[in-house]
């Protein structure tokens, strides 16, 4: 199943965590993100989506794979945060 996410910057909300990154590969079971970060705290969610500013950003040193079975929703974002602004 191709969701058309390849090449997109995304914020992924799973049942336990938030992730951001650029989708470089997708299968029917997972998405592989580069320039990925775990977002422990978005701050106000709607503000984070509108401005790209998050209360906490924890970048991954390498790519990360997110299992689609745990995903609640995915939204496209303008840019991938690499650190706090």
C-alpha atoms as a PDB file:
ATOM      1  CA  UNK A   1       0.000   0.000   0.000  1.00  0.00           C
ATOM      2  CA  UNK A   2       1.615   3.232  -1.138  1.00  0.00           C
ATOM      3  CA  UNK A   3       0.292   6.208   0.808  1.00  0.00           C
ATOM      4  CA  UNK A   4       2.270   8.683  -1.279  1.00  0.00           C
ATOM      5  CA  UNK A   5       4.345   9.863   1.673  1.00  0.00           C
ATOM      6  CA  UNK A   6       7.784   9.336   0.140  1.00  0.00           C
ATOM      7  CA  UNK A   7       9.721  12.607   0.083  1.00  0.00           C
ATOM      8  CA  UNK A   8       7.298  14.358   2.450  1.00  0.00           C
ATOM      9  CA  UNK A   9       8.157  15.963   5.791  1.00  0.00           C
ATOM     10  CA  UNK A  10       5.758  14.529   8.342  1.00  0.00           C
ATOM     11  CA  UNK A  11       4.668  14.589  11.954  1.00  0.00           C
ATOM     12  CA  UNK A  12       3.498  11.140  13.011  1.00  0.00           C
ATOM     13  CA  UNK A  13       1.391  10.599  16.107  1.00  0.00           C
ATOM     14  CA  UNK A  14       1.529   7.043  17.424  1.00  0.00           C
ATOM     15  CA  UNK A  15      -0.321   5.554  20.376  1.00  0.00           C
ATOM     16  CA  UNK A  16       2.602   6.546  22.639  1.00  0.00           C
ATOM     17  CA  UNK A  17       4.917   9.038  20.869  1.00  0.00           C
ATOM     18  CA  UNK A  18       5.293  11.776  18.267  1.00  0.00           C
ATOM     19  CA  UNK A  19       7.913  11.595  15.493  1.00  0.00           C
ATOM     20  CA  UNK A  20       8.973  13.985  12.763  1.00  0.00           C
ATOM     21  CA  UNK A  21      11.116  13.280   9.731  1.00  0.00           C
ATOM     22  CA  UNK A  22      11.384  13.036   5.987  1.00  0.00           C
ATOM     23  CA  UNK A  23       9.883   9.839   4.560  1.00  0.00           C
ATOM     24  CA  UNK A  24      12.504   8.072   2.456  1.00  0.00           C
ATOM     25  CA  UNK A  25      10.867   4.660   2.189  1.00  0.00           C
ATOM     26  CA  UNK A  26       7.435   3.194   2.837  1.00  0.00           C
ATOM     27  CA  UNK A  27       5.941  -0.274   2.884  1.00  0.00           C
ATOM     28  CA  UNK A  28       2.521  -1.506   3.921  1.00  0.00           C
ATOM     29  CA  UNK A  29       3.899  -2.048   7.455  1.00  0.00           C
ATOM     30  CA  UNK A  30       6.292   0.852   8.144  1.00  0.00           C
ATOM     31  CA  UNK A  31       7.728   4.239   7.171  1.00  0.00           C
ATOM     32  CA  UNK A  32      11.450   4.951   7.230  1.00  0.00           C
ATOM     33  CA  UNK A  33      12.308   8.510   8.308  1.00  0.00           C
ATOM     34  CA  UNK A  34      15.562  10.411   7.842  1.00  0.00           C
ATOM     35  CA  UNK A  35      16.378  13.621   9.725  1.00  0.00           C
ATOM     36  CA  UNK A  36      14.028  12.086  12.287  1.00  0.00           C
ATOM     37  CA  UNK A  37      13.266  13.316  15.777  1.00  0.00           C
ATOM     38  CA  UNK A  38      11.242  12.136  18.720  1.00  0.00           C
ATOM     39  CA  UNK A  39       9.035  14.959  19.970  1.00  0.00           C
ATOM     40  CA  UNK A  40       8.510  14.374  23.720  1.00  0.00           C
ATOM     41  CA  UNK A  41       6.428  17.558  24.038  1.00  0.00           C
ATOM     42  CA  UNK A  42       4.744  19.403  21.173  1.00  0.00           C
ATOM     43  CA  UNK A  43       3.507  22.250  23.353  1.00  0.00           C
ATOM     44  CA  UNK A  44       0.107  23.376  22.071  1.00  0.00           C
ATOM     45  CA  UNK A  45      -0.520  20.903  19.255  1.00  0.00           C
ATOM     46  CA  UNK A  46      -2.249  23.331  16.883  1.00  0.00           C
ATOM     47  CA  UNK A  47       0.493  25.920  17.448  1.00  0.00           C
ATOM     48  CA  UNK A  48       3.196  23.337  16.727  1.00  0.00           C
ATOM     49  CA  UNK A  49       1.480  22.396  13.456  1.00  0.00           C
ATOM     50  CA  UNK A  50       1.022  26.031  12.412  1.00  0.00           C
ATOM     51  CA  UNK A  51       4.488  27.308  13.372  1.00  0.00           C
ATOM     52  CA  UNK A  52       6.763  24.251  13.386  1.00  0.00           C
ATOM     53  CA  UNK A  53       7.872  25.115  16.931  1.00  0.00           C
ATOM     54  CA  UNK A  54       7.870  22.332  19.518  1.00  0.00           C
ATOM     55  CA  UNK A  55       8.556  22.439  23.263  1.00  0.00           C
ATOM     56  CA  UNK A  56      11.053  19.554  23.022  1.00  0.00           C
ATOM     57  CA  UNK A  57      12.930  18.005  20.075  1.00  0.00           C
ATOM     58  CA  UNK A  58      15.180  14.942  20.421  1.00  0.00           C
ATOM     59  CA  UNK A  59      16.884  14.185  17.061  1.00  0.00           C
ATOM     60  CA  UNK A  60      17.873  10.664  16.076  1.00  0.00           C
ATOM     61  CA  UNK A  61      21.494  10.290  14.915  1.00  0.00           C
ATOM     62  CA  UNK A  62      20.401   7.890  12.150  1.00  0.00           C
ATOM     63  CA  UNK A  63      17.229   6.985  10.267  1.00  0.00           C
ATOM     64  CA  UNK A  64      14.286   5.505  12.181  1.00  0.00           C
ATOM     65  CA  UNK A  65      11.475   3.147  11.187  1.00  0.00           C
ATOM     66  CA  UNK A  66       7.943   3.737  12.506  1.00  0.00           C
ATOM     67  CA  UNK A  67       5.535   0.811  12.440  1.00  0.00           C
ATOM     68  CA  UNK A  68       2.198   1.774  10.879  1.00  0.00           C
ATOM     69  CA  UNK A  69       0.302  -0.534  13.259  1.00  0.00           C
ATOM     70  CA  UNK A  70       1.008   2.005  16.040  1.00  0.00           C
ATOM     71  CA  UNK A  71       0.135   5.125  14.015  1.00  0.00           C
ATOM     72  CA  UNK A  72      -2.871   7.231  14.988  1.00  0.00           C
ATOM     73  CA  UNK A  73      -2.396   9.920  12.321  1.00  0.00           C
ATOM     74  CA  UNK A  74       0.164  11.487   9.999  1.00  0.00           C
ATOM     75  CA  UNK A  75       0.265  15.095   8.883  1.00  0.00           C
ATOM     76  CA  UNK A  76       2.551  16.846   6.421  1.00  0.00           C
ATOM     77  CA  UNK A  77       4.681  19.627   7.934  1.00  0.00           C
ATOM     78  CA  UNK A  78       6.662  22.409   6.253  1.00  0.00           C
ATOM     79  CA  UNK A  79      10.057  21.563   7.699  1.00  0.00           C
ATOM     80  CA  UNK A  80      11.581  18.906   9.894  1.00  0.00           C
ATOM     81  CA  UNK A  81      12.818  20.230  13.240  1.00  0.00           C
ATOM     82  CA  UNK A  82      16.422  19.315  13.966  1.00  0.00           C
ATOM     83  CA  UNK A  83      16.604  21.126  17.307  1.00  0.00           C
ATOM     84  CA  UNK A  84      14.695  23.673  19.353  1.00  0.00           C
ATOM     85  CA  UNK A  85      14.368  27.084  17.760  1.00  0.00           C
END
